[in-house]
Amino acid sequence: MAVFEYRASIRKREEYVESGTVVARDEAEAKKKLEQLEFIDIRVKRIGGISGIFKSMTADVR
């Protein structure tokens, strides 16, 4: 499983931008998980290495 950092807007509050981490197999699955939480304008970036391992333990979305 890979760890992705995301930035997205909430559907009801489009001027508000939220960021965090999500654990998923690939970028498409990460976006799908975030869409289920009513996020729009989703941007994800893969986190690798030691940083990715530590962030997978404290991910916001699993």
N, C-alpha and C. Protein backbone atom coordinates (compact mmCIF):
# COMPACT_ATOMS: atom_id res chain seq x y z
N MET A 1 0.83 -1.18 0.00
CA MET A 1 0.00 0.00 0.00
C MET A 1 0.88 1.25 0.00
N ALA A 2 0.48 2.19 -0.78
CA ALA A 2 1.23 3.45 -0.89
C ALA A 2 0.52 4.54 -0.07
N VAL A 3 1.25 5.58 0.23
CA VAL A 3 0.72 6.72 0.97
C VAL A 3 0.72 7.92 0.04
N PHE A 4 -0.40 8.64 0.03
CA PHE A 4 -0.54 9.83 -0.80
C PHE A 4 -0.92 11.02 0.06
N GLU A 5 -0.33 12.16 -0.25
CA GLU A 5 -0.71 13.41 0.39
C GLU A 5 -1.77 14.05 -0.50
N TYR A 6 -2.85 14.56 0.08
CA TYR A 6 -3.91 15.14 -0.74
C TYR A 6 -4.24 16.57 -0.33
N ARG A 7 -4.77 17.30 -1.30
CA ARG A 7 -5.35 18.63 -1.10
C ARG A 7 -6.66 18.62 -1.86
N ALA A 8 -7.74 18.99 -1.18
CA ALA A 8 -9.05 18.94 -1.81
C ALA A 8 -9.99 19.94 -1.16
N SER A 9 -11.06 20.26 -1.87
CA SER A 9 -12.11 21.12 -1.35
C SER A 9 -13.30 20.25 -0.96
N ILE A 10 -14.05 20.73 0.00
CA ILE A 10 -15.27 20.03 0.40
C ILE A 10 -16.41 20.56 -0.46
N ARG A 11 -17.27 19.66 -0.91
CA ARG A 11 -18.33 20.00 -1.85
C ARG A 11 -19.19 21.16 -1.36
N LYS A 12 -19.55 21.20 -0.10
CA LYS A 12 -20.46 22.22 0.42
C LYS A 12 -19.75 23.53 0.74
N ARG A 13 -18.42 23.47 0.96
CA ARG A 13 -17.64 24.66 1.28
C ARG A 13 -16.46 24.74 0.33
N GLU A 14 -16.70 25.19 -0.87
CA GLU A 14 -15.69 25.16 -1.92
C GLU A 14 -14.50 26.08 -1.67
N GLU A 15 -14.66 27.10 -0.84
CA GLU A 15 -13.55 28.01 -0.58
C GLU A 15 -12.59 27.44 0.46
N TYR A 16 -12.97 26.36 1.13
CA TYR A 16 -12.16 25.72 2.17
C TYR A 16 -11.33 24.59 1.56
N VAL A 17 -10.03 24.59 1.78
CA VAL A 17 -9.14 23.56 1.26
C VAL A 17 -8.61 22.73 2.43
N GLU A 18 -8.74 21.43 2.32
CA GLU A 18 -8.27 20.53 3.36
C GLU A 18 -7.12 19.71 2.81
N SER A 19 -6.18 19.35 3.67
CA SER A 19 -5.06 18.50 3.25
C SER A 19 -4.83 17.43 4.29
N GLY A 20 -4.20 16.34 3.86
CA GLY A 20 -3.92 15.24 4.75
C GLY A 20 -3.28 14.10 4.00
N THR A 21 -3.35 12.89 4.57
CA THR A 21 -2.76 11.72 3.94
C THR A 21 -3.81 10.63 3.80
N VAL A 22 -3.63 9.82 2.77
CA VAL A 22 -4.53 8.71 2.50
C VAL A 22 -3.70 7.50 2.09
N VAL A 23 -4.11 6.31 2.55
CA VAL A 23 -3.43 5.06 2.21
C VAL A 23 -4.26 4.38 1.13
N ALA A 24 -3.63 4.04 0.00
CA ALA A 24 -4.32 3.40 -1.12
C ALA A 24 -3.31 2.64 -1.97
N ARG A 25 -3.82 1.78 -2.84
CA ARG A 25 -2.94 1.01 -3.74
C ARG A 25 -2.33 1.88 -4.82
N ASP A 26 -3.16 2.79 -5.38
CA ASP A 26 -2.69 3.66 -6.44
C ASP A 26 -3.43 4.99 -6.37
N GLU A 27 -3.07 5.89 -7.28
CA GLU A 27 -3.65 7.23 -7.30
C GLU A 27 -5.16 7.21 -7.53
N ALA A 28 -5.62 6.33 -8.41
CA ALA A 28 -7.05 6.24 -8.71
C ALA A 28 -7.86 5.81 -7.49
N GLU A 29 -7.34 4.84 -6.74
CA GLU A 29 -8.04 4.39 -5.53
C GLU A 29 -8.05 5.49 -4.47
N ALA A 30 -6.97 6.24 -4.37
CA ALA A 30 -6.90 7.34 -3.40
C ALA A 30 -7.97 8.39 -3.73
N LYS A 31 -8.10 8.74 -4.99
CA LYS A 31 -9.11 9.72 -5.38
C LYS A 31 -10.52 9.19 -5.14
N LYS A 32 -10.73 7.90 -5.39
CA LYS A 32 -12.04 7.29 -5.18
C LYS A 32 -12.43 7.34 -3.70
N LYS A 33 -11.48 7.05 -2.82
CA LYS A 33 -11.75 7.10 -1.38
C LYS A 33 -12.12 8.52 -0.95
N LEU A 34 -11.44 9.51 -1.51
CA LEU A 34 -11.71 10.89 -1.13
C LEU A 34 -13.03 11.39 -1.71
N GLU A 35 -13.40 10.93 -2.90
CA GLU A 35 -14.68 11.30 -3.48
C GLU A 35 -15.84 10.79 -2.64
N GLN A 36 -15.67 9.64 -2.00
CA GLN A 36 -16.71 9.10 -1.13
C GLN A 36 -16.93 9.97 0.11
N LEU A 37 -15.93 10.77 0.46
CA LEU A 37 -16.03 11.69 1.59
C LEU A 37 -16.48 13.08 1.15
N GLU A 38 -17.01 13.19 -0.07
CA GLU A 38 -17.54 14.43 -0.65
C GLU A 38 -16.49 15.50 -0.90
N PHE A 39 -15.28 15.08 -1.25
CA PHE A 39 -14.24 16.03 -1.66
C PHE A 39 -14.33 16.27 -3.16
N ILE A 40 -13.98 17.47 -3.58
CA ILE A 40 -13.90 17.81 -5.01
C ILE A 40 -12.54 18.45 -5.26
N ASP A 41 -12.19 18.61 -6.52
CA ASP A 41 -10.91 19.22 -6.92
C ASP A 41 -9.75 18.56 -6.16
N ILE A 42 -9.65 17.25 -6.29
CA ILE A 42 -8.69 16.45 -5.52
C ILE A 42 -7.34 16.41 -6.23
N ARG A 43 -6.28 16.72 -5.49
CA ARG A 43 -4.92 16.59 -5.99
C ARG A 43 -4.15 15.69 -5.04
N VAL A 44 -3.53 14.65 -5.59
CA VAL A 44 -2.78 13.72 -4.74
C VAL A 44 -1.34 13.63 -5.21
N LYS A 45 -0.45 13.37 -4.27
CA LYS A 45 0.98 13.24 -4.55
C LYS A 45 1.51 12.08 -3.72
N ARG A 46 2.20 11.15 -4.34
CA ARG A 46 2.72 9.98 -3.64
C ARG A 46 3.88 10.36 -2.73
N ILE A 47 3.88 9.78 -1.54
CA ILE A 47 4.95 9.99 -0.57
C ILE A 47 5.72 8.68 -0.46
N GLY A 48 7.01 8.74 -0.64
CA GLY A 48 7.82 7.53 -0.59
C GLY A 48 8.83 7.57 0.53
N GLY A 49 9.58 6.49 0.65
CA GLY A 49 10.68 6.42 1.60
C GLY A 49 10.25 6.31 3.05
N ILE A 50 11.13 6.72 3.92
CA ILE A 50 10.89 6.65 5.36
C ILE A 50 9.70 7.53 5.75
N SER A 51 9.59 8.68 5.13
CA SER A 51 8.49 9.58 5.41
C SER A 51 7.15 8.91 5.13
N GLY A 52 7.06 8.16 4.02
CA GLY A 52 5.84 7.45 3.67
C GLY A 52 5.47 6.39 4.68
N ILE A 53 6.47 5.71 5.21
CA ILE A 53 6.23 4.66 6.22
C ILE A 53 5.64 5.27 7.49
N PHE A 54 6.23 6.36 7.95
CA PHE A 54 5.73 6.99 9.16
C PHE A 54 4.34 7.59 8.96
N LYS A 55 4.11 8.21 7.81
CA LYS A 55 2.81 8.82 7.56
C LYS A 55 1.72 7.78 7.34
N SER A 56 2.08 6.56 6.93
CA SER A 56 1.07 5.51 6.78
C SER A 56 0.49 5.10 8.13
N MET A 57 1.26 5.25 9.18
CA MET A 57 0.79 4.91 10.52
C MET A 57 -0.21 5.92 11.06
N THR A 58 -0.11 7.16 10.60
CA THR A 58 -0.98 8.22 11.10
C THR A 58 -1.85 8.82 10.00
N ALA A 59 -2.17 8.01 9.00
CA ALA A 59 -2.94 8.50 7.85
C ALA A 59 -4.34 8.96 8.28
N ASP A 60 -4.83 10.00 7.61
CA ASP A 60 -6.17 10.53 7.89
C ASP A 60 -7.26 9.63 7.31
N VAL A 61 -7.01 9.05 6.15
CA VAL A 61 -7.99 8.18 5.47
C VAL A 61 -7.30 6.87 5.17
N ARG A 62 -7.95 5.77 5.51
CA ARG A 62 -7.39 4.44 5.23
C ARG A 62 -8.23 3.74 4.22
